[in-house]
Amino acid sequence: QVQLVESGGGLVQPGGSLRLSCAASGSIFSIAVMGWYRQAPGKERELVAAITSAHITNYADSVKGRFTISRDNALKEVYLQMNSLKPEDTAVYYCNLRATWAKQYDVWGQGTQVTVSS
């Protein structure tokens, strides 16, 4: 069974930084595409960044140049370094794992709140 646990959210002033972490259980992490999504109040959940098993990354246009996604397959963790945070980055951030190994996996973490405010 695969589970994801996020950490690292909190309150930060505009222009500040936060680093989110997502720890995975199970044995398929190394082959999975890992993503960070976010959902602000009244809005749909959107992709923020994703990273493949080969460390190929893609980002939403709104975070390019400010956020960096990375992963450590040995620790089964994925990270989101968020710099130059803006109030519009305020949202619940979710970690996601997608993989196919005998079956399809699409697993979500519980989410962590990020609030950017002065």
N, C-alpha and C. Protein backbone atom coordinates (compact mmCIF):
# COMPACT_ATOMS: atom_id res chain seq x y z
N GLN A 1 0.84 -1.18 0.00
CA GLN A 1 0.00 0.00 0.00
C GLN A 1 0.89 1.24 0.00
N VAL A 2 0.53 2.22 -0.83
CA VAL A 2 1.31 3.44 -0.93
C VAL A 2 0.61 4.55 -0.17
N GLN A 3 1.36 5.25 0.66
CA GLN A 3 0.83 6.41 1.37
C GLN A 3 1.81 7.57 1.23
N LEU A 4 1.25 8.77 1.24
CA LEU A 4 2.05 9.99 1.13
C LEU A 4 1.76 10.89 2.32
N VAL A 5 2.81 11.46 2.89
CA VAL A 5 2.65 12.37 4.01
C VAL A 5 3.44 13.64 3.73
N GLU A 6 2.72 14.76 3.63
CA GLU A 6 3.35 16.05 3.38
C GLU A 6 3.72 16.74 4.69
N SER A 7 4.70 17.62 4.60
CA SER A 7 5.07 18.46 5.73
C SER A 7 5.74 19.72 5.18
N GLY A 8 5.85 20.72 6.05
CA GLY A 8 6.60 21.92 5.69
C GLY A 8 5.77 23.14 5.39
N GLY A 9 4.45 23.02 5.42
CA GLY A 9 3.63 24.20 5.18
C GLY A 9 3.66 25.16 6.35
N GLY A 10 3.03 26.31 6.15
CA GLY A 10 2.98 27.29 7.22
C GLY A 10 2.66 28.67 6.71
N LEU A 11 2.88 29.65 7.58
CA LEU A 11 2.64 31.05 7.27
C LEU A 11 3.96 31.73 6.96
N VAL A 12 4.00 32.45 5.85
CA VAL A 12 5.23 33.14 5.46
C VAL A 12 4.86 34.48 4.86
N GLN A 13 5.75 35.44 5.00
CA GLN A 13 5.50 36.77 4.44
C GLN A 13 5.78 36.76 2.94
N PRO A 14 5.16 37.67 2.21
CA PRO A 14 5.47 37.79 0.78
C PRO A 14 6.96 37.99 0.57
N GLY A 15 7.48 37.28 -0.43
CA GLY A 15 8.91 37.32 -0.70
C GLY A 15 9.70 36.26 0.04
N GLY A 16 9.06 35.57 0.96
CA GLY A 16 9.74 34.56 1.74
C GLY A 16 9.81 33.21 1.03
N SER A 17 10.33 32.23 1.76
CA SER A 17 10.53 30.90 1.20
C SER A 17 9.98 29.83 2.13
N LEU A 18 9.60 28.72 1.54
CA LEU A 18 9.20 27.52 2.27
C LEU A 18 9.66 26.32 1.48
N ARG A 19 9.90 25.22 2.20
CA ARG A 19 10.23 23.97 1.53
C ARG A 19 9.25 22.90 1.99
N LEU A 20 8.51 22.36 1.04
CA LEU A 20 7.58 21.28 1.34
C LEU A 20 8.26 19.94 1.09
N SER A 21 7.92 18.97 1.92
CA SER A 21 8.42 17.62 1.76
C SER A 21 7.26 16.65 1.70
N CYS A 22 7.48 15.57 0.98
CA CYS A 22 6.46 14.52 0.88
C CYS A 22 7.18 13.18 0.99
N ALA A 23 6.83 12.42 2.00
CA ALA A 23 7.44 11.12 2.22
C ALA A 23 6.48 10.02 1.77
N ALA A 24 7.01 9.07 1.03
CA ALA A 24 6.19 7.99 0.49
C ALA A 24 6.54 6.66 1.14
N SER A 25 5.53 5.83 1.29
CA SER A 25 5.76 4.46 1.71
C SER A 25 5.54 3.57 0.50
N GLY A 26 5.92 2.31 0.63
CA GLY A 26 5.75 1.39 -0.49
C GLY A 26 7.00 1.29 -1.34
N SER A 27 6.92 0.48 -2.38
CA SER A 27 8.13 0.14 -3.14
C SER A 27 8.14 0.66 -4.57
N ILE A 28 7.18 1.51 -4.93
CA ILE A 28 7.11 1.94 -6.33
C ILE A 28 7.56 3.39 -6.52
N PHE A 29 8.05 4.02 -5.46
CA PHE A 29 8.39 5.44 -5.55
C PHE A 29 9.35 5.70 -6.69
N SER A 30 10.36 4.86 -6.83
CA SER A 30 11.44 5.15 -7.78
C SER A 30 10.95 5.17 -9.23
N ILE A 31 9.82 4.53 -9.54
CA ILE A 31 9.33 4.52 -10.91
C ILE A 31 8.18 5.50 -11.12
N ALA A 32 7.79 6.18 -10.05
CA ALA A 32 6.59 7.01 -10.10
C ALA A 32 6.88 8.42 -10.60
N VAL A 33 5.88 9.00 -11.23
CA VAL A 33 5.88 10.43 -11.48
C VAL A 33 5.30 11.09 -10.23
N MET A 34 6.05 12.01 -9.67
CA MET A 34 5.62 12.70 -8.46
C MET A 34 5.22 14.13 -8.82
N GLY A 35 4.13 14.58 -8.22
CA GLY A 35 3.67 15.94 -8.51
C GLY A 35 3.25 16.67 -7.26
N TRP A 36 3.33 17.97 -7.34
CA TRP A 36 2.75 18.86 -6.33
C TRP A 36 1.61 19.62 -6.99
N TYR A 37 0.47 19.59 -6.34
CA TYR A 37 -0.70 20.31 -6.78
C TYR A 37 -1.11 21.28 -5.67
N ARG A 38 -1.95 22.24 -6.02
CA ARG A 38 -2.46 23.14 -4.99
C ARG A 38 -3.90 23.49 -5.30
N GLN A 39 -4.61 23.80 -4.23
CA GLN A 39 -6.01 24.21 -4.37
C GLN A 39 -6.28 25.37 -3.44
N ALA A 40 -6.62 26.49 -4.03
CA ALA A 40 -6.98 27.68 -3.27
C ALA A 40 -8.49 27.68 -3.05
N PRO A 41 -8.96 28.41 -2.03
CA PRO A 41 -10.40 28.45 -1.77
C PRO A 41 -11.19 28.91 -2.99
N GLY A 42 -12.21 28.15 -3.34
CA GLY A 42 -13.06 28.52 -4.47
C GLY A 42 -12.48 28.23 -5.83
N LYS A 43 -11.30 27.59 -5.86
CA LYS A 43 -10.66 27.31 -7.14
C LYS A 43 -10.45 25.81 -7.29
N GLU A 44 -10.22 25.39 -8.54
CA GLU A 44 -9.94 23.99 -8.80
C GLU A 44 -8.49 23.67 -8.44
N ARG A 45 -8.27 22.40 -8.17
CA ARG A 45 -6.90 21.95 -7.91
C ARG A 45 -6.09 22.06 -9.20
N GLU A 46 -4.86 22.55 -9.08
CA GLU A 46 -4.02 22.74 -10.25
C GLU A 46 -2.63 22.16 -10.02
N LEU A 47 -2.02 21.74 -11.12
CA LEU A 47 -0.66 21.23 -11.05
C LEU A 47 0.31 22.38 -10.84
N VAL A 48 1.20 22.22 -9.88
CA VAL A 48 2.25 23.20 -9.63
C VAL A 48 3.55 22.76 -10.29
N ALA A 49 3.94 21.51 -10.04
CA ALA A 49 5.19 20.99 -10.59
C ALA A 49 5.16 19.48 -10.55
N ALA A 50 5.90 18.86 -11.46
CA ALA A 50 5.99 17.41 -11.49
C ALA A 50 7.41 17.00 -11.86
N ILE A 51 7.77 15.78 -11.44
CA ILE A 51 9.10 15.26 -11.74
C ILE A 51 8.98 13.76 -12.02
N THR A 52 9.62 13.33 -13.10
CA THR A 52 9.57 11.92 -13.47
C THR A 52 10.66 11.14 -12.74
N SER A 53 10.64 9.83 -12.95
CA SER A 53 11.68 8.99 -12.35
C SER A 53 13.06 9.33 -12.90
N ALA A 54 13.10 9.92 -14.10
CA ALA A 54 14.37 10.33 -14.70
C ALA A 54 14.71 11.78 -14.35
N HIS A 55 13.98 12.34 -13.40
CA HIS A 55 14.23 13.70 -12.91
C HIS A 55 13.92 14.77 -13.96
N ILE A 56 13.05 14.45 -14.90
CA ILE A 56 12.57 15.47 -15.83
C ILE A 56 11.45 16.22 -15.14
N THR A 57 11.52 17.54 -15.21
CA THR A 57 10.58 18.37 -14.47
C THR A 57 9.72 19.24 -15.40
N ASN A 58 8.56 19.61 -14.90
CA ASN A 58 7.77 20.64 -15.56
C ASN A 58 7.04 21.44 -14.49
N TYR A 59 6.77 22.69 -14.85
CA TYR A 59 6.21 23.63 -13.89
C TYR A 59 5.04 24.40 -14.49
N ALA A 60 4.14 24.80 -13.64
CA ALA A 60 3.11 25.75 -14.06
C ALA A 60 3.79 27.07 -14.36
N ASP A 61 3.27 27.79 -15.34
CA ASP A 61 3.88 29.06 -15.72
C ASP A 61 3.94 30.02 -14.55
N SER A 62 2.97 29.95 -13.67
CA SER A 62 2.89 30.91 -12.56
C SER A 62 4.00 30.73 -11.54
N VAL A 63 4.69 29.58 -11.55
CA VAL A 63 5.73 29.33 -10.54
C VAL A 63 7.12 29.16 -11.15
N LYS A 64 7.21 29.19 -12.47
CA LYS A 64 8.52 29.02 -13.11
C LYS A 64 9.49 30.07 -12.64
N GLY A 65 10.70 29.62 -12.31
CA GLY A 65 11.73 30.53 -11.83
C GLY A 65 11.67 30.81 -10.34
N ARG A 66 10.58 30.38 -9.69
CA ARG A 66 10.45 30.61 -8.24
C ARG A 66 10.42 29.30 -7.46
N PHE A 67 9.83 28.27 -8.03
CA PHE A 67 9.70 26.98 -7.34
C PHE A 67 10.61 25.95 -8.00
N THR A 68 11.10 25.02 -7.19
CA THR A 68 11.92 23.92 -7.70
C THR A 68 11.46 22.62 -7.09
N ILE A 69 11.17 21.65 -7.94
CA ILE A 69 10.80 20.32 -7.46
C ILE A 69 12.01 19.40 -7.57
N SER A 70 12.18 18.53 -6.59
CA SER A 70 13.28 17.57 -6.61
C SER A 70 12.84 16.30 -5.90
N ARG A 71 13.61 15.27 -6.05
CA ARG A 71 13.26 14.00 -5.42
C ARG A 71 14.51 13.27 -4.98
N ASP A 72 14.35 12.43 -3.96
CA ASP A 72 15.42 11.56 -3.48
C ASP A 72 14.84 10.15 -3.45
N ASN A 73 15.21 9.35 -4.43
CA ASN A 73 14.62 8.01 -4.53
C ASN A 73 15.07 7.10 -3.38
N ALA A 74 16.25 7.32 -2.86
CA ALA A 74 16.72 6.49 -1.75
C ALA A 74 15.89 6.74 -0.49
N LEU A 75 15.51 7.99 -0.27
CA LEU A 75 14.70 8.34 0.90
C LEU A 75 13.21 8.26 0.61
N LYS A 76 12.86 8.06 -0.67
CA LYS A 76 11.44 8.05 -1.08
C LYS A 76 10.75 9.36 -0.71
N GLU A 77 11.41 10.45 -1.05
CA GLU A 77 10.86 11.76 -0.74
C GLU A 77 10.90 12.66 -1.97
N VAL A 78 9.93 13.56 -2.03
CA VAL A 78 9.91 14.59 -3.05
C VAL A 78 9.75 15.93 -2.34
N TYR A 79 10.36 16.96 -2.91
CA TYR A 79 10.42 18.26 -2.27
C TYR A 79 9.91 19.34 -3.22
N LEU A 80 9.43 20.41 -2.64
CA LEU A 80 9.09 21.60 -3.40
C LEU A 80 9.68 22.80 -2.68
N GLN A 81 10.74 23.35 -3.25
CA GLN A 81 11.35 24.57 -2.72
C GLN A 81 10.62 25.75 -3.34
N MET A 82 10.04 26.58 -2.49
CA MET A 82 9.24 27.72 -2.95
C MET A 82 9.90 29.01 -2.50
N ASN A 83 10.35 29.80 -3.45
CA ASN A 83 10.99 31.08 -3.16
C ASN A 83 10.15 32.22 -3.71
N SER A 84 10.45 33.42 -3.25
CA SER A 84 9.74 34.61 -3.73
C SER A 84 8.23 34.41 -3.69
N LEU A 85 7.76 33.92 -2.57
CA LEU A 85 6.34 33.59 -2.45
C LEU A 85 5.46 34.83 -2.54
N LYS A 86 4.29 34.63 -3.15
CA LYS A 86 3.33 35.70 -3.34
C LYS A 86 2.02 35.34 -2.64
N PRO A 87 1.20 36.33 -2.31
CA PRO A 87 -0.10 36.01 -1.69
C PRO A 87 -0.93 35.04 -2.53
N GLU A 88 -0.81 35.11 -3.84
CA GLU A 88 -1.59 34.22 -4.70
C GLU A 88 -1.09 32.78 -4.68
N ASP A 89 0.01 32.53 -4.00
CA ASP A 89 0.48 31.15 -3.81
C ASP A 89 -0.23 30.48 -2.63
N THR A 90 -1.01 31.24 -1.89
CA THR A 90 -1.73 30.69 -0.76
C THR A 90 -2.70 29.60 -1.21
N ALA A 91 -2.57 28.42 -0.62
CA ALA A 91 -3.39 27.28 -1.02
C ALA A 91 -3.04 26.09 -0.13
N VAL A 92 -3.83 25.05 -0.25
CA VAL A 92 -3.44 23.75 0.30
C VAL A 92 -2.65 23.03 -0.78
N TYR A 93 -1.49 22.58 -0.43
CA TYR A 93 -0.59 21.90 -1.37
C TYR A 93 -0.66 20.39 -1.14
N TYR A 94 -0.83 19.67 -2.23
CA TYR A 94 -0.98 18.21 -2.17
C TYR A 94 0.14 17.54 -2.95
N CYS A 95 0.63 16.47 -2.40
CA CYS A 95 1.59 15.60 -3.06
C CYS A 95 0.82 14.50 -3.79
N ASN A 96 1.30 14.14 -4.98
CA ASN A 96 0.64 13.10 -5.77
C ASN A 96 1.66 12.13 -6.35
N LEU A 97 1.29 10.87 -6.35
CA LEU A 97 2.12 9.81 -6.93
C LEU A 97 1.32 9.09 -8.01
N ARG A 98 1.92 8.94 -9.19
CA ARG A 98 1.29 8.17 -10.26
C ARG A 98 2.29 7.18 -10.82
N ALA A 99 1.84 5.94 -10.93
CA ALA A 99 2.72 4.90 -11.44
C ALA A 99 1.88 3.73 -11.94
N THR A 100 2.49 2.93 -12.78
CA THR A 100 1.87 1.70 -13.22
C THR A 100 2.82 0.55 -12.95
N TRP A 101 2.39 -0.35 -12.08
CA TRP A 101 3.19 -1.53 -11.73
C TRP A 101 2.22 -2.60 -11.29
N ALA A 102 1.89 -3.47 -12.19
CA ALA A 102 0.85 -4.49 -12.00
C ALA A 102 -0.54 -3.85 -12.00
N LYS A 103 -0.62 -2.64 -11.52
CA LYS A 103 -1.88 -1.88 -11.57
C LYS A 103 -1.53 -0.40 -11.63
N GLN A 104 -2.55 0.41 -11.82
CA GLN A 104 -2.31 1.85 -11.85
C GLN A 104 -2.45 2.43 -10.45
N TYR A 105 -1.50 3.30 -10.11
CA TYR A 105 -1.53 3.99 -8.83
C TYR A 105 -1.75 5.49 -9.08
N ASP A 106 -2.66 6.07 -8.31
CA ASP A 106 -2.89 7.51 -8.31
C ASP A 106 -3.21 7.87 -6.86
N VAL A 107 -2.17 8.27 -6.14
CA VAL A 107 -2.25 8.41 -4.68
C VAL A 107 -2.04 9.87 -4.30
N TRP A 108 -2.83 10.34 -3.33
CA TRP A 108 -2.75 11.72 -2.84
C TRP A 108 -2.40 11.76 -1.37
N GLY A 109 -1.64 12.77 -1.01
CA GLY A 109 -1.41 13.04 0.39
C GLY A 109 -2.57 13.81 0.98
N GLN A 110 -2.44 14.12 2.28
CA GLN A 110 -3.55 14.79 2.98
C GLN A 110 -3.55 16.30 2.78
N GLY A 111 -2.47 16.82 2.27
CA GLY A 111 -2.36 18.26 2.02
C GLY A 111 -1.72 19.01 3.16
N THR A 112 -1.06 20.10 2.80
CA THR A 112 -0.46 20.98 3.80
C THR A 112 -0.75 22.43 3.40
N GLN A 113 -1.14 23.23 4.38
CA GLN A 113 -1.56 24.60 4.11
C GLN A 113 -0.34 25.52 3.98
N VAL A 114 -0.34 26.31 2.93
CA VAL A 114 0.65 27.36 2.76
C VAL A 114 -0.09 28.68 2.69
N THR A 115 0.26 29.60 3.57
CA THR A 115 -0.37 30.91 3.60
C THR A 115 0.71 31.98 3.47
N VAL A 116 0.55 32.82 2.46
CA VAL A 116 1.50 33.90 2.21
C VAL A 116 0.78 35.21 2.52
N SER A 117 1.20 35.84 3.60
CA SER A 117 0.51 37.04 4.05
C SER A 117 1.42 37.86 4.94
N SER A 118 1.24 39.17 4.89
CA SER A 118 1.99 40.05 5.78
C SER A 118 1.18 40.35 7.04
